[in-house]
């Protein structure tokens, strides 16, 4: 039971942090191309990865 709650917690955490990181994508276009723009792009793609990962359990099965 405890392990199941931990997995659910981490999946929820991945979902919300993924959304937060993806929201940084909106701000990317207000800056010219620089190192900060590149770092923002990397964080945005990591957010997409976390968001998608939140729908896949640790065994690779979808919800």
Protein backbone atom coordinates (compact mmCIF):
# COMPACT_ATOMS: atom_id res chain seq x y z
CA UNK A 1 0.00 0.00 0.00
CA UNK A 2 2.76 2.42 0.89
CA UNK A 3 4.64 1.75 -2.35
CA UNK A 4 1.46 2.32 -4.35
CA UNK A 5 0.93 5.70 -2.65
CA UNK A 6 4.52 6.70 -3.36
CA UNK A 7 4.16 5.82 -7.04
CA UNK A 8 0.93 7.80 -7.25
CA UNK A 9 2.59 10.76 -5.52
CA UNK A 10 5.52 10.78 -7.92
CA UNK A 11 3.27 10.46 -10.96
CA UNK A 12 1.26 13.47 -9.75
CA UNK A 13 4.48 15.36 -9.04
CA UNK A 14 5.75 14.62 -12.57
CA UNK A 15 2.44 15.81 -14.03
CA UNK A 16 2.41 19.18 -12.24
CA UNK A 17 6.12 19.92 -12.60
CA UNK A 18 5.86 18.98 -16.26
CA UNK A 19 3.08 21.53 -16.72
CA UNK A 20 5.05 24.19 -14.84
CA UNK A 21 8.18 23.59 -16.92
CA UNK A 22 6.19 23.58 -20.17
CA UNK A 23 4.66 26.93 -19.25
CA UNK A 24 8.14 28.38 -19.63
CA UNK A 25 7.81 27.76 -23.37
CA UNK A 26 5.53 30.80 -23.64
CA UNK A 27 8.29 33.05 -22.33
CA UNK A 28 10.91 31.70 -24.77
CA UNK A 29 9.77 33.81 -27.69
CA UNK A 30 10.10 37.10 -25.80
CA UNK A 31 13.90 36.73 -25.68
CA UNK A 32 16.41 36.82 -28.47
CA UNK A 33 18.49 33.72 -29.03
CA UNK A 34 20.96 33.50 -26.16
CA UNK A 35 22.21 31.00 -23.62
CA UNK A 36 19.20 31.74 -21.40
CA UNK A 37 16.88 30.98 -24.33
CA UNK A 38 18.65 27.66 -24.87
CA UNK A 39 18.43 26.76 -21.16
CA UNK A 40 14.72 27.62 -21.20
CA UNK A 41 14.21 25.38 -24.23
CA UNK A 42 15.96 22.46 -22.51
CA UNK A 43 13.84 22.93 -19.38
CA UNK A 44 10.71 23.10 -21.53
CA UNK A 45 11.51 19.80 -23.25
CA UNK A 46 12.25 18.25 -19.85
CA UNK A 47 8.79 19.41 -18.78
CA UNK A 48 7.25 17.67 -21.79
CA UNK A 49 9.14 14.51 -20.85
CA UNK A 50 7.90 14.69 -17.23
CA UNK A 51 4.33 15.34 -18.37
CA UNK A 52 4.35 12.30 -20.66
CA UNK A 53 6.09 10.22 -18.00
CA UNK A 54 3.26 10.99 -15.57
CA UNK A 55 0.91 8.90 -17.73
CA UNK A 56 3.21 5.86 -17.79
CA UNK A 57 3.76 3.74 -14.70
CA UNK A 58 7.11 2.34 -13.64
CA UNK A 59 6.57 -0.89 -15.60
CA UNK A 60 5.98 0.94 -18.87
CA UNK A 61 2.21 0.45 -18.88
CA UNK A 62 -0.10 3.35 -19.63
CA UNK A 63 -2.91 4.28 -17.24
